[in-house]
C-alpha atoms as a PDB file:
ATOM      1  CA  MET A   1       7.910  16.254  10.910  1.00  0.00           C
ATOM      2  CA  ALA A   2       5.766  15.075   8.670  1.00  0.00           C
ATOM      3  CA  ARG A   3       5.481  11.979   6.354  1.00  0.00           C
ATOM      4  CA  ARG A   4       7.661  12.794   3.118  1.00  0.00           C
ATOM      5  CA  GLU A   5       8.284  10.458  -0.122  1.00  0.00           C
ATOM      6  CA  TYR A   6      10.609  10.660  -2.681  1.00  0.00           C
ATOM      7  CA  TYR A   7      10.310   9.146  -6.455  1.00  0.00           C
ATOM      8  CA  HIS A   8      13.040   9.056  -8.864  1.00  0.00           C
ATOM      9  CA  HIS A   9      13.412  13.111  -7.223  1.00  0.00           C
ATOM     10  CA  PRO A  10      17.294  14.864  -7.701  1.00  0.00           C
ATOM     11  CA  CYS A  11      18.126  14.800  -4.335  1.00  0.00           C
ATOM     12  CA  PRO A  12      16.082  12.869  -2.147  1.00  0.00           C
ATOM     13  CA  PRO A  13      17.923  12.507   1.911  1.00  0.00           C
ATOM     14  CA  ARG A  14      20.075   9.265   1.846  1.00  0.00           C
ATOM     15  CA  PRO A  15      18.172   6.352   3.464  1.00  0.00           C
ATOM     16  CA  THR A  16      20.182   4.318   6.088  1.00  0.00           C
ATOM     17  CA  ILE A  17      17.630   1.359   5.706  1.00  0.00           C
ATOM     18  CA  VAL A  18      15.556  -0.769   3.478  1.00  0.00           C
ATOM     19  CA  ALA A  19      12.013  -1.133   5.293  1.00  0.00           C
ATOM     20  CA  PRO A  20      10.124  -4.324   4.455  1.00  0.00           C
ATOM     21  CA  SER A  21       6.766  -3.269   3.679  1.00  0.00           C
ATOM     22  CA  VAL A  22       3.129  -5.006   2.352  1.00  0.00           C
ATOM     23  CA  PHE A  23       0.141  -3.512   0.190  1.00  0.00           C
ATOM     24  CA  ALA A  24      -2.713  -5.932  -0.323  1.00  0.00           C
ATOM     25  CA  VAL A  25      -4.878  -5.554  -3.959  1.00  0.00           C
ATOM     26  CA  VAL A  26      -8.317  -6.153  -2.286  1.00  0.00           C
ATOM     27  CA  ARG A  27     -10.949  -7.049  -4.915  1.00  0.00           C
ATOM     28  CA  ASP A  28     -14.687  -7.832  -3.759  1.00  0.00           C
ATOM     29  CA  ASP A  29     -17.481  -9.595  -6.190  1.00  0.00           C
ATOM     30  CA  ALA A  30     -18.454  -6.233  -7.439  1.00  0.00           C
ATOM     31  CA  ASP A  31     -14.651  -5.914  -9.118  1.00  0.00           C
ATOM     32  CA  ARG A  32     -14.110  -2.530  -6.606  1.00  0.00           C
ATOM     33  CA  ILE A  33     -10.927  -2.132  -4.758  1.00  0.00           C
ATOM     34  CA  LEU A  34     -10.211  -1.269  -1.315  1.00  0.00           C
ATOM     35  CA  LEU A  35      -8.129   1.773  -0.972  1.00  0.00           C
ATOM     36  CA  VAL A  36      -7.522   3.806   1.959  1.00  0.00           C
ATOM     37  CA  ARG A  37      -6.428   7.739   2.470  1.00  0.00           C
ATOM     38  CA  ARG A  38      -3.659   8.426   4.361  1.00  0.00           C
ATOM     39  CA  ALA A  39      -4.518  10.724   7.003  1.00  0.00           C
ATOM     40  CA  ASP A  40      -0.813  12.974   6.914  1.00  0.00           C
ATOM     41  CA  ASP A  41      -1.199  13.698   3.016  1.00  0.00           C
ATOM     42  CA  GLY A  42      -4.410  12.513   1.844  1.00  0.00           C
ATOM     43  CA  PHE A  43      -3.149  10.687  -0.544  1.00  0.00           C
ATOM     44  CA  TRP A  44      -5.081   7.328  -1.634  1.00  0.00           C
ATOM     45  CA  GLU A  45      -3.420   3.874  -1.138  1.00  0.00           C
ATOM     46  CA  LEU A  46      -3.894   0.060  -1.157  1.00  0.00           C
ATOM     47  CA  PRO A  47      -3.562  -0.873   2.701  1.00  0.00           C
ATOM     48  CA  GLY A  48      -0.902  -1.693   3.485  1.00  0.00           C
ATOM     49  CA  GLY A  49       2.636  -1.577   5.846  1.00  0.00           C
ATOM     50  CA  ARG A  50       5.405  -2.684   7.734  1.00  0.00           C
ATOM     51  CA  VAL A  51       6.349  -5.965   8.250  1.00  0.00           C
ATOM     52  CA  GLU A  52       7.002  -6.144  12.048  1.00  0.00           C
ATOM     53  CA  VAL A  53       9.615  -8.634  13.755  1.00  0.00           C
ATOM     54  CA  GLY A  54       8.800 -11.829  14.436  1.00  0.00           C
ATOM     55  CA  GLU A  55       5.601 -11.416  11.891  1.00  0.00           C
ATOM     56  CA  SER A  56       5.183 -12.764   8.660  1.00  0.00           C
ATOM     57  CA  ALA A  57       4.748 -10.958   5.332  1.00  0.00           C
ATOM     58  CA  VAL A  58       1.101 -12.297   5.135  1.00  0.00           C
ATOM     59  CA  ASP A  59       0.017 -11.592   9.080  1.00  0.00           C
ATOM     60  CA  ALA A  60       1.518  -8.358   8.370  1.00  0.00           C
ATOM     61  CA  VAL A  61      -0.766  -7.882   5.555  1.00  0.00           C
ATOM     62  CA  GLU A  62      -3.470  -8.826   6.918  1.00  0.00           C
ATOM     63  CA  ARG A  63      -2.900  -7.084  10.480  1.00  0.00           C
ATOM     64  CA  GLU A  64      -2.364  -3.644   7.916  1.00  0.00           C
ATOM     65  CA  VAL A  65      -4.824  -4.607   6.201  1.00  0.00           C
ATOM     66  CA  ALA A  66      -7.925  -5.035   9.240  1.00  0.00           C
ATOM     67  CA  GLU A  67      -6.121  -1.986  10.468  1.00  0.00           C
ATOM     68  CA  GLU A  68      -6.624   0.855   8.309  1.00  0.00           C
ATOM     69  CA  SER A  69      -9.526  -0.700   6.821  1.00  0.00           C
ATOM     70  CA  GLY A  70     -11.464  -2.430   9.164  1.00  0.00           C
ATOM     71  CA  VAL A  71     -12.436  -5.244   6.253  1.00  0.00           C
ATOM     72  CA  THR A  72     -10.070  -8.912   6.741  1.00  0.00           C
ATOM     73  CA  ILE A  73      -8.602 -10.589   3.919  1.00  0.00           C
ATOM     74  CA  LYS A  74      -7.472 -13.631   2.583  1.00  0.00           C
ATOM     75  CA  VAL A  75      -3.986 -13.518   0.755  1.00  0.00           C
ATOM     76  CA  LEU A  76      -4.142 -15.228  -2.601  1.00  0.00           C
ATOM     77  CA  HIS A  77      -0.919 -14.676  -5.072  1.00  0.00           C
ATOM     78  CA  VAL A  78       2.167 -12.035  -5.615  1.00  0.00           C
ATOM     79  CA  ALA A  79       0.843  -9.138  -7.033  1.00  0.00           C
ATOM     80  CA  GLY A  80       4.767  -7.294  -7.101  1.00  0.00           C
ATOM     81  CA  VAL A  81       7.965  -7.349  -5.477  1.00  0.00           C
ATOM     82  CA  TYR A  82       8.731  -3.138  -5.497  1.00  0.00           C
ATOM     83  CA  SER A  83      12.201  -2.009  -4.473  1.00  0.00           C
ATOM     84  CA  ASP A  84      13.470   0.810  -6.567  1.00  0.00           C
ATOM     85  CA  PRO A  85      16.135   2.830  -4.640  1.00  0.00           C
ATOM     86  CA  GLY A  86      14.679   5.944  -6.457  1.00  0.00           C
ATOM     87  CA  HIS A  87      11.531   5.636  -3.772  1.00  0.00           C
ATOM     88  CA  VAL A  88      12.580   7.010  -0.771  1.00  0.00           C
ATOM     89  CA  ILE A  89      10.407   8.056   2.202  1.00  0.00           C
ATOM     90  CA  VAL A  90      11.569   9.911   5.625  1.00  0.00           C
ATOM     91  CA  ASP A  91       8.956   9.229   7.838  1.00  0.00           C
ATOM     92  CA  THR A  92       7.512  11.256  11.330  1.00  0.00           C
ATOM     93  CA  ALA A  93      10.501  10.404  13.725  1.00  0.00           C
ATOM     94  CA  GLY A  94      13.239  11.190  10.594  1.00  0.00           C
ATOM     95  CA  GLU A  95      13.822   7.298   9.405  1.00  0.00           C
ATOM     96  CA  VAL A  96      14.759   7.736   5.972  1.00  0.00           C
ATOM     97  CA  ARG A  97      13.894   4.730   4.232  1.00  0.00           C
ATOM     98  CA  GLN A  98      14.269   3.100   1.030  1.00  0.00           C
ATOM     99  CA  GLN A  99      11.290   0.861   0.909  1.00  0.00           C
ATOM    100  CA  PHE A 100      11.407  -2.745  -0.247  1.00  0.00           C
ATOM    101  CA  ALA A 101       7.574  -3.106  -0.803  1.00  0.00           C
ATOM    102  CA  LEU A 102       5.614  -6.800  -1.430  1.00  0.00           C
ATOM    103  CA  CYS A 103       2.175  -6.402  -3.490  1.00  0.00           C
ATOM    104  CA  VAL A 104      -0.418  -9.392  -3.184  1.00  0.00           C
ATOM    105  CA  HIS A 105      -3.663 -10.240  -4.387  1.00  0.00           C
ATOM    106  CA  ALA A 106      -6.426 -10.880  -1.691  1.00  0.00           C
ATOM    107  CA  ARG A 107      -9.883 -11.299  -1.511  1.00  0.00           C
ATOM    108  CA  PRO A 108     -11.941  -9.386   1.548  1.00  0.00           C
ATOM    109  CA  LEU A 109     -13.600 -11.792   3.832  1.00  0.00           C
ATOM    110  CA  SER A 110     -15.326  -9.584   5.905  1.00  0.00           C
ATOM    111  CA  GLY A 111     -15.546  -6.089   7.079  1.00  0.00           C
ATOM    112  CA  VAL A 112     -17.417  -2.882   5.884  1.00  0.00           C
ATOM    113  CA  PRO A 113     -14.406  -0.033   4.667  1.00  0.00           C
ATOM    114  CA  ARG A 114     -13.958   2.533   7.644  1.00  0.00           C
ATOM    115  CA  PRO A 115     -10.710   4.274   8.431  1.00  0.00           C
ATOM    116  CA  ASP A 116      -8.485   3.770  11.572  1.00  0.00           C
ATOM    117  CA  GLY A 117      -8.923   7.798  12.424  1.00  0.00           C
ATOM    118  CA  GLU A 118      -4.455   7.855  13.316  1.00  0.00           C
ATOM    119  CA  GLU A 119      -3.558   6.584   9.730  1.00  0.00           C
ATOM    120  CA  THR A 120      -6.013   6.612   7.207  1.00  0.00           C
ATOM    121  CA  ARG A 121      -8.919   9.263   7.456  1.00  0.00           C
ATOM    122  CA  GLU A 122     -10.948   7.437   4.706  1.00  0.00           C
ATOM    123  CA  ALA A 123     -11.438   3.716   3.741  1.00  0.00           C
ATOM    124  CA  ALA A 124     -13.109   2.634   0.567  1.00  0.00           C
ATOM    125  CA  TRP A 125     -14.476   0.719  -1.884  1.00  0.00           C
ATOM    126  CA  VAL A 126     -13.533   2.549  -5.222  1.00  0.00           C
ATOM    127  CA  ALA A 127     -14.731   0.792  -8.908  1.00  0.00           C
ATOM    128  CA  VAL A 128     -11.647   0.365 -10.962  1.00  0.00           C
ATOM    129  CA  ASP A 129     -12.969   3.420 -13.695  1.00  0.00           C
ATOM    130  CA  ARG A 130     -12.696   5.860 -10.988  1.00  0.00           C
ATOM    131  CA  LEU A 131      -9.283   5.887  -9.694  1.00  0.00           C
ATOM    132  CA  GLY A 132      -7.738   7.859 -12.577  1.00  0.00           C
ATOM    133  CA  ALA A 133      -9.381  10.652 -10.562  1.00  0.00           C
ATOM    134  CA  LEU A 134      -8.069   9.938  -7.267  1.00  0.00           C
ATOM    135  CA  ALA A 135      -4.736  11.873  -6.131  1.00  0.00           C
ATOM    136  CA  MET A 136      -2.464   9.201  -5.762  1.00  0.00           C
ATOM    137  CA  HIS A 137       1.971   8.762  -4.730  1.00  0.00           C
ATOM    138  CA  PRO A 138       3.476   7.261  -8.408  1.00  0.00           C
ATOM    139  CA  ALA A 139       4.675   4.430  -6.833  1.00  0.00           C
ATOM    140  CA  MET A 140       1.318   3.529  -5.336  1.00  0.00           C
ATOM    141  CA  ARG A 141      -0.349   4.245  -8.567  1.00  0.00           C
ATOM    142  CA  GLU A 142       2.313   2.001 -10.534  1.00  0.00           C
ATOM    143  CA  ARG A 143       1.984  -1.026  -8.273  1.00  0.00           C
ATOM    144  CA  LEU A 144      -2.428  -0.437  -8.252  1.00  0.00           C
ATOM    145  CA  GLU A 145      -2.495  -0.302 -12.862  1.00  0.00           C
ATOM    146  CA  ARG A 146       0.059  -3.292 -13.007  1.00  0.00           C
ATOM    147  CA  ALA A 147      -1.406  -5.495 -10.489  1.00  0.00           C
ATOM    148  CA  LEU A 148      -4.617  -4.716 -12.404  1.00  0.00           C
ATOM    149  CA  ALA A 149      -3.359  -4.975 -16.144  1.00  0.00           C
ATOM    150  CA  GLU A 150      -1.703  -8.505 -14.974  1.00  0.00           C
ATOM    151  CA  PRO A 151      -3.951  -9.569 -11.639  1.00  0.00           C
ATOM    152  CA  ASP A 152      -2.504 -13.745 -12.933  1.00  0.00           C
ATOM    153  CA  HIS A 153       1.097 -12.520 -12.455  1.00  0.00           C
ATOM    154  CA  GLY A 154       3.518 -11.208 -10.494  1.00  0.00           C
ATOM    155  CA  HIS A 155       5.545  -8.346 -11.588  1.00  0.00           C
ATOM    156  CA  VAL A 156       9.019  -8.137 -10.072  1.00  0.00           C
ATOM    157  CA  GLY A 157      10.657  -4.296 -10.593  1.00  0.00           C
END
């Protein structure tokens, strides 16, 4: 079964859990954004993923970004909190979850973007003026656009 996302779909499956996840809006000195391209659906997104038991949100996002993109980061501050019950994800194991996503602003410390070959098939620095042309899930695009529009303020939604 392939991973599926439902975003304000008229008949989504019923979630059985709320799963915390974290994503990073990483900007380099050239004002480019670090993005990864998912291996399963081909969409571009902010690097990130689930918070594991025994892990802080900061530790989780630093681990996920390094795993998915090869870039190590330093978290700066919260960009937004997203807990929309209309956003349901069915993963490859069949788990149906409502995502609870924390997005953070971060800066890169080291590394050259490279995909992990499992979850991500591409990783790249993308100029802000090229973001609109990339295939991206609507929920992820909303998070990115809000973070770019108000880089010094967090969003709760």
